[in-house]
Amino acid sequence: MVLNLEKEKEEAVAVEKKEEFIEIPEVVVLYFQRADNLKKTVSIRTTTNDTMERVVALAAEKLGIRSGRIGLTGGGVPIAFIDKTVGEVLREYNTVSFHISSADMLG
């Protein structure tokens, strides 16, 4: 009997990749709160193909944040959203709730 370790390794990698894939619906609702005032909340309905930059800018406008420099966190973790789609951010950070702040708020 010959043991084929390469085949077993390929199968293990395939299983890992299968587990990494998170299926998300085409239309999602994202929730944004101002970091300095958690009572101010807005929800935005968008598609997973939309750019996250556009959605964050829309949320900032609705929340009254006028700064051009915006920061985003989800679960206390800073989120890199530049040049990413909504779907990419959701798969990477696994959250639909975000805190949004301007450079002025951060100091």
N, C-alpha and C. Protein backbone atom coordinates (compact mmCIF):
# COMPACT_ATOMS: atom_id res chain seq x y z
N MET A 1 0.84 -1.18 0.00
CA MET A 1 0.00 0.00 0.00
C MET A 1 0.88 1.24 0.00
N VAL A 2 0.56 2.18 -0.87
CA VAL A 2 1.33 3.42 -1.00
C VAL A 2 0.51 4.56 -0.42
N LEU A 3 1.15 5.34 0.41
CA LEU A 3 0.49 6.49 1.04
C LEU A 3 0.72 7.73 0.19
N ASN A 4 -0.32 8.34 -0.27
CA ASN A 4 -0.22 9.51 -1.12
C ASN A 4 -0.52 10.76 -0.29
N LEU A 5 0.53 11.39 0.22
CA LEU A 5 0.36 12.57 1.09
C LEU A 5 -0.08 13.79 0.29
N GLU A 6 0.36 13.91 -0.96
CA GLU A 6 -0.04 15.05 -1.78
C GLU A 6 -1.55 15.09 -1.98
N LYS A 7 -2.14 13.95 -2.23
CA LYS A 7 -3.59 13.89 -2.44
C LYS A 7 -4.33 14.29 -1.17
N GLU A 8 -3.86 13.79 -0.02
CA GLU A 8 -4.49 14.14 1.25
C GLU A 8 -4.36 15.63 1.54
N LYS A 9 -3.19 16.20 1.21
CA LYS A 9 -2.96 17.63 1.43
C LYS A 9 -3.91 18.45 0.56
N GLU A 10 -4.08 18.06 -0.71
CA GLU A 10 -4.99 18.77 -1.61
C GLU A 10 -6.43 18.70 -1.11
N GLU A 11 -6.83 17.55 -0.60
CA GLU A 11 -8.19 17.41 -0.07
C GLU A 11 -8.39 18.28 1.16
N ALA A 12 -7.39 18.36 2.02
CA ALA A 12 -7.48 19.20 3.22
C ALA A 12 -7.60 20.67 2.84
N VAL A 13 -6.83 21.12 1.85
CA VAL A 13 -6.90 22.51 1.39
C VAL A 13 -8.27 22.79 0.80
N ALA A 14 -8.82 21.86 0.03
CA ALA A 14 -10.15 22.03 -0.57
C ALA A 14 -11.21 22.17 0.51
N VAL A 15 -11.12 21.39 1.57
CA VAL A 15 -12.08 21.47 2.67
C VAL A 15 -11.97 22.82 3.37
N GLU A 16 -10.73 23.30 3.60
CA GLU A 16 -10.54 24.60 4.24
C GLU A 16 -11.15 25.72 3.40
N LYS A 17 -10.91 25.70 2.10
CA LYS A 17 -11.46 26.73 1.23
C LYS A 17 -12.98 26.68 1.22
N LYS A 18 -13.54 25.49 1.27
CA LYS A 18 -14.99 25.34 1.29
C LYS A 18 -15.58 25.94 2.56
N GLU A 19 -14.90 25.76 3.69
CA GLU A 19 -15.38 26.28 4.97
C GLU A 19 -15.23 27.81 5.04
N GLU A 20 -14.22 28.38 4.34
CA GLU A 20 -14.00 29.82 4.37
C GLU A 20 -15.10 30.60 3.66
N PHE A 21 -15.73 30.01 2.67
CA PHE A 21 -16.72 30.71 1.88
C PHE A 21 -17.98 30.96 2.71
N ILE A 22 -18.34 32.21 2.81
CA ILE A 22 -19.54 32.60 3.55
C ILE A 22 -20.56 33.07 2.53
N GLU A 23 -21.68 32.42 2.49
CA GLU A 23 -22.72 32.81 1.55
C GLU A 23 -23.54 33.95 2.15
N ILE A 24 -23.64 35.04 1.41
CA ILE A 24 -24.42 36.18 1.86
C ILE A 24 -25.43 36.53 0.77
N PRO A 25 -26.56 37.08 1.18
CA PRO A 25 -27.58 37.44 0.18
C PRO A 25 -27.12 38.60 -0.70
N GLU A 26 -27.78 38.77 -1.82
CA GLU A 26 -27.42 39.83 -2.77
C GLU A 26 -27.73 41.22 -2.20
N VAL A 27 -28.83 41.35 -1.47
CA VAL A 27 -29.22 42.62 -0.86
C VAL A 27 -29.05 42.50 0.65
N VAL A 28 -28.34 43.47 1.24
CA VAL A 28 -28.07 43.45 2.68
C VAL A 28 -28.43 44.80 3.29
N VAL A 29 -28.61 44.80 4.59
CA VAL A 29 -28.85 46.04 5.35
C VAL A 29 -27.67 46.22 6.28
N LEU A 30 -27.01 47.36 6.17
CA LEU A 30 -25.88 47.69 7.02
C LEU A 30 -26.30 48.76 8.02
N TYR A 31 -25.81 48.65 9.25
CA TYR A 31 -26.18 49.57 10.33
C TYR A 31 -24.94 50.37 10.74
N PHE A 32 -25.11 51.69 10.80
CA PHE A 32 -24.02 52.59 11.16
C PHE A 32 -24.43 53.43 12.36
N GLN A 33 -23.50 53.59 13.32
CA GLN A 33 -23.70 54.46 14.48
C GLN A 33 -22.56 55.46 14.54
N ARG A 34 -22.89 56.67 14.97
CA ARG A 34 -21.82 57.65 15.20
C ARG A 34 -21.03 57.19 16.42
N ALA A 35 -19.72 57.24 16.32
CA ALA A 35 -18.87 56.80 17.42
C ALA A 35 -18.99 57.71 18.64
N ASP A 36 -19.29 59.00 18.41
CA ASP A 36 -19.39 59.94 19.53
C ASP A 36 -20.80 60.04 20.10
N ASN A 37 -21.78 59.48 19.42
CA ASN A 37 -23.17 59.54 19.89
C ASN A 37 -23.90 58.29 19.39
N LEU A 38 -23.91 57.25 20.20
CA LEU A 38 -24.44 55.96 19.77
C LEU A 38 -25.96 55.96 19.57
N LYS A 39 -26.62 57.04 20.00
CA LYS A 39 -28.07 57.13 19.77
C LYS A 39 -28.38 57.45 18.31
N LYS A 40 -27.42 58.04 17.63
CA LYS A 40 -27.61 58.35 16.21
C LYS A 40 -27.22 57.14 15.38
N THR A 41 -28.23 56.52 14.79
CA THR A 41 -28.04 55.30 14.02
C THR A 41 -28.77 55.42 12.69
N VAL A 42 -28.19 54.83 11.66
CA VAL A 42 -28.82 54.81 10.36
C VAL A 42 -28.61 53.43 9.75
N SER A 43 -29.61 52.98 9.02
CA SER A 43 -29.47 51.71 8.31
C SER A 43 -29.53 52.00 6.81
N ILE A 44 -28.68 51.29 6.07
CA ILE A 44 -28.62 51.49 4.63
C ILE A 44 -28.77 50.13 3.95
N ARG A 45 -29.73 50.08 3.05
CA ARG A 45 -29.97 48.87 2.28
C ARG A 45 -29.18 48.98 0.97
N THR A 46 -28.37 47.98 0.68
CA THR A 46 -27.50 48.03 -0.49
C THR A 46 -27.27 46.63 -1.03
N THR A 47 -26.55 46.54 -2.12
CA THR A 47 -26.19 45.24 -2.69
C THR A 47 -24.75 44.92 -2.34
N THR A 48 -24.40 43.66 -2.45
CA THR A 48 -23.04 43.24 -2.13
C THR A 48 -22.04 43.70 -3.19
N ASN A 49 -22.50 44.09 -4.36
CA ASN A 49 -21.61 44.56 -5.42
C ASN A 49 -21.34 46.06 -5.33
N ASP A 50 -22.04 46.76 -4.46
CA ASP A 50 -21.86 48.20 -4.29
C ASP A 50 -20.50 48.47 -3.64
N THR A 51 -19.93 49.64 -3.89
CA THR A 51 -18.65 49.95 -3.25
C THR A 51 -18.89 50.39 -1.81
N MET A 52 -18.05 49.90 -0.92
CA MET A 52 -18.19 50.23 0.49
C MET A 52 -17.92 51.72 0.73
N GLU A 53 -17.06 52.32 -0.06
CA GLU A 53 -16.77 53.76 0.08
C GLU A 53 -18.04 54.58 -0.11
N ARG A 54 -18.83 54.24 -1.13
CA ARG A 54 -20.06 54.98 -1.40
C ARG A 54 -21.05 54.82 -0.26
N VAL A 55 -21.17 53.61 0.27
CA VAL A 55 -22.12 53.35 1.36
C VAL A 55 -21.68 54.09 2.63
N VAL A 56 -20.39 54.09 2.93
CA VAL A 56 -19.89 54.79 4.11
C VAL A 56 -20.10 56.30 3.96
N ALA A 57 -19.85 56.83 2.77
CA ALA A 57 -20.07 58.27 2.54
C ALA A 57 -21.54 58.63 2.71
N LEU A 58 -22.43 57.78 2.23
CA LEU A 58 -23.87 58.01 2.39
C LEU A 58 -24.26 57.96 3.87
N ALA A 59 -23.74 56.99 4.60
CA ALA A 59 -24.03 56.87 6.03
C ALA A 59 -23.50 58.09 6.78
N ALA A 60 -22.29 58.53 6.45
CA ALA A 60 -21.71 59.70 7.12
C ALA A 60 -22.57 60.93 6.88
N GLU A 61 -23.04 61.09 5.65
CA GLU A 61 -23.89 62.24 5.33
C GLU A 61 -25.19 62.19 6.12
N LYS A 62 -25.82 61.03 6.18
CA LYS A 62 -27.08 60.88 6.93
C LYS A 62 -26.89 61.09 8.42
N LEU A 63 -25.69 60.78 8.93
CA LEU A 63 -25.42 60.94 10.35
C LEU A 63 -24.88 62.33 10.69
N GLY A 64 -24.74 63.18 9.67
CA GLY A 64 -24.29 64.55 9.92
C GLY A 64 -22.79 64.69 10.07
N ILE A 65 -22.03 63.76 9.57
CA ILE A 65 -20.57 63.85 9.62
C ILE A 65 -20.11 64.51 8.33
N ARG A 66 -19.50 65.67 8.45
CA ARG A 66 -19.15 66.47 7.27
C ARG A 66 -17.68 66.32 6.86
N SER A 67 -16.88 65.67 7.65
CA SER A 67 -15.45 65.54 7.37
C SER A 67 -15.20 64.67 6.14
N GLY A 68 -14.12 64.96 5.43
CA GLY A 68 -13.75 64.15 4.28
C GLY A 68 -12.98 62.91 4.67
N ARG A 69 -12.48 62.88 5.89
CA ARG A 69 -11.73 61.72 6.38
C ARG A 69 -12.59 60.96 7.38
N ILE A 70 -12.93 59.74 7.01
CA ILE A 70 -13.86 58.93 7.80
C ILE A 70 -13.15 57.67 8.27
N GLY A 71 -13.42 57.28 9.51
CA GLY A 71 -12.92 56.03 10.06
C GLY A 71 -14.08 55.09 10.32
N LEU A 72 -13.85 53.80 10.17
CA LEU A 72 -14.90 52.81 10.34
C LEU A 72 -14.38 51.66 11.19
N THR A 73 -15.18 51.27 12.18
CA THR A 73 -14.84 50.09 13.00
C THR A 73 -16.03 49.17 13.06
N GLY A 74 -15.74 47.92 13.25
CA GLY A 74 -16.79 46.91 13.42
C GLY A 74 -16.37 45.97 14.52
N GLY A 75 -17.09 45.95 15.61
CA GLY A 75 -16.71 45.11 16.74
C GLY A 75 -15.39 45.53 17.37
N GLY A 76 -15.10 46.83 17.30
CA GLY A 76 -13.86 47.35 17.89
C GLY A 76 -12.64 47.20 17.00
N VAL A 77 -12.81 46.63 15.81
CA VAL A 77 -11.70 46.40 14.89
C VAL A 77 -11.77 47.43 13.77
N PRO A 78 -10.66 48.15 13.51
CA PRO A 78 -10.66 49.09 12.37
C PRO A 78 -10.90 48.34 11.06
N ILE A 79 -11.70 48.92 10.20
CA ILE A 79 -12.06 48.27 8.95
C ILE A 79 -11.48 49.04 7.77
N ALA A 80 -10.74 48.32 6.93
CA ALA A 80 -10.21 48.89 5.70
C ALA A 80 -11.27 48.69 4.62
N PHE A 81 -11.85 49.79 4.16
CA PHE A 81 -12.96 49.68 3.21
C PHE A 81 -12.68 50.33 1.87
N ILE A 82 -11.54 50.96 1.72
CA ILE A 82 -11.21 51.64 0.47
C ILE A 82 -10.99 50.60 -0.63
N ASP A 83 -11.57 50.86 -1.79
CA ASP A 83 -11.45 49.99 -2.97
C ASP A 83 -11.98 48.57 -2.73
N LYS A 84 -12.98 48.42 -1.87
CA LYS A 84 -13.60 47.13 -1.61
C LYS A 84 -15.09 47.21 -1.84
N THR A 85 -15.68 46.09 -2.20
CA THR A 85 -17.13 46.04 -2.31
C THR A 85 -17.72 45.72 -0.94
N VAL A 86 -19.02 45.91 -0.82
CA VAL A 86 -19.72 45.59 0.42
C VAL A 86 -19.54 44.10 0.73
N GLY A 87 -19.67 43.26 -0.28
CA GLY A 87 -19.52 41.82 -0.09
C GLY A 87 -18.15 41.43 0.43
N GLU A 88 -17.11 42.07 -0.07
CA GLU A 88 -15.75 41.77 0.40
C GLU A 88 -15.59 42.14 1.87
N VAL A 89 -16.12 43.30 2.27
CA VAL A 89 -16.02 43.73 3.66
C VAL A 89 -16.81 42.78 4.57
N LEU A 90 -18.00 42.38 4.14
CA LEU A 90 -18.81 41.48 4.96
C LEU A 90 -18.13 40.13 5.13
N ARG A 91 -17.53 39.61 4.07
CA ARG A 91 -16.84 38.32 4.17
C ARG A 91 -15.59 38.42 5.05
N GLU A 92 -14.88 39.54 4.94
CA GLU A 92 -13.63 39.69 5.68
C GLU A 92 -13.85 39.95 7.16
N TYR A 93 -14.84 40.78 7.49
CA TYR A 93 -15.03 41.18 8.89
C TYR A 93 -16.25 40.54 9.56
N ASN A 94 -17.12 39.91 8.79
CA ASN A 94 -18.25 39.15 9.31
C ASN A 94 -19.14 39.98 10.24
N THR A 95 -19.47 41.20 9.84
CA THR A 95 -20.37 42.03 10.63
C THR A 95 -21.16 42.96 9.71
N VAL A 96 -22.35 43.35 10.14
CA VAL A 96 -23.15 44.33 9.40
C VAL A 96 -23.37 45.59 10.23
N SER A 97 -22.78 45.66 11.43
CA SER A 97 -22.90 46.83 12.30
C SER A 97 -21.55 47.53 12.41
N PHE A 98 -21.57 48.84 12.22
CA PHE A 98 -20.33 49.59 12.18
C PHE A 98 -20.45 50.87 13.00
N HIS A 99 -19.33 51.32 13.56
CA HIS A 99 -19.22 52.63 14.18
C HIS A 99 -18.45 53.50 13.20
N ILE A 100 -18.97 54.69 12.98
CA ILE A 100 -18.36 55.60 12.01
C ILE A 100 -17.92 56.85 12.73
N SER A 101 -16.75 57.36 12.38
CA SER A 101 -16.24 58.57 13.03
C SER A 101 -15.43 59.39 12.01
N SER A 102 -15.31 60.67 12.31
CA SER A 102 -14.51 61.55 11.47
C SER A 102 -13.15 61.73 12.11
N ALA A 103 -12.23 62.30 11.35
CA ALA A 103 -10.90 62.58 11.88
C ALA A 103 -10.98 63.57 13.05
N ASP A 104 -11.95 64.47 12.99
CA ASP A 104 -12.15 65.44 14.07
C ASP A 104 -12.52 64.76 15.38
N MET A 105 -13.35 63.72 15.29
CA MET A 105 -13.76 63.00 16.51
C MET A 105 -12.60 62.26 17.13
N LEU A 106 -11.71 61.75 16.27
CA LEU A 106 -10.58 60.95 16.76
C LEU A 106 -9.47 61.81 17.33
N GLY A 107 -9.45 63.09 16.96
CA GLY A 107 -8.48 64.02 17.52
C GLY A 107 -7.26 64.22 16.72
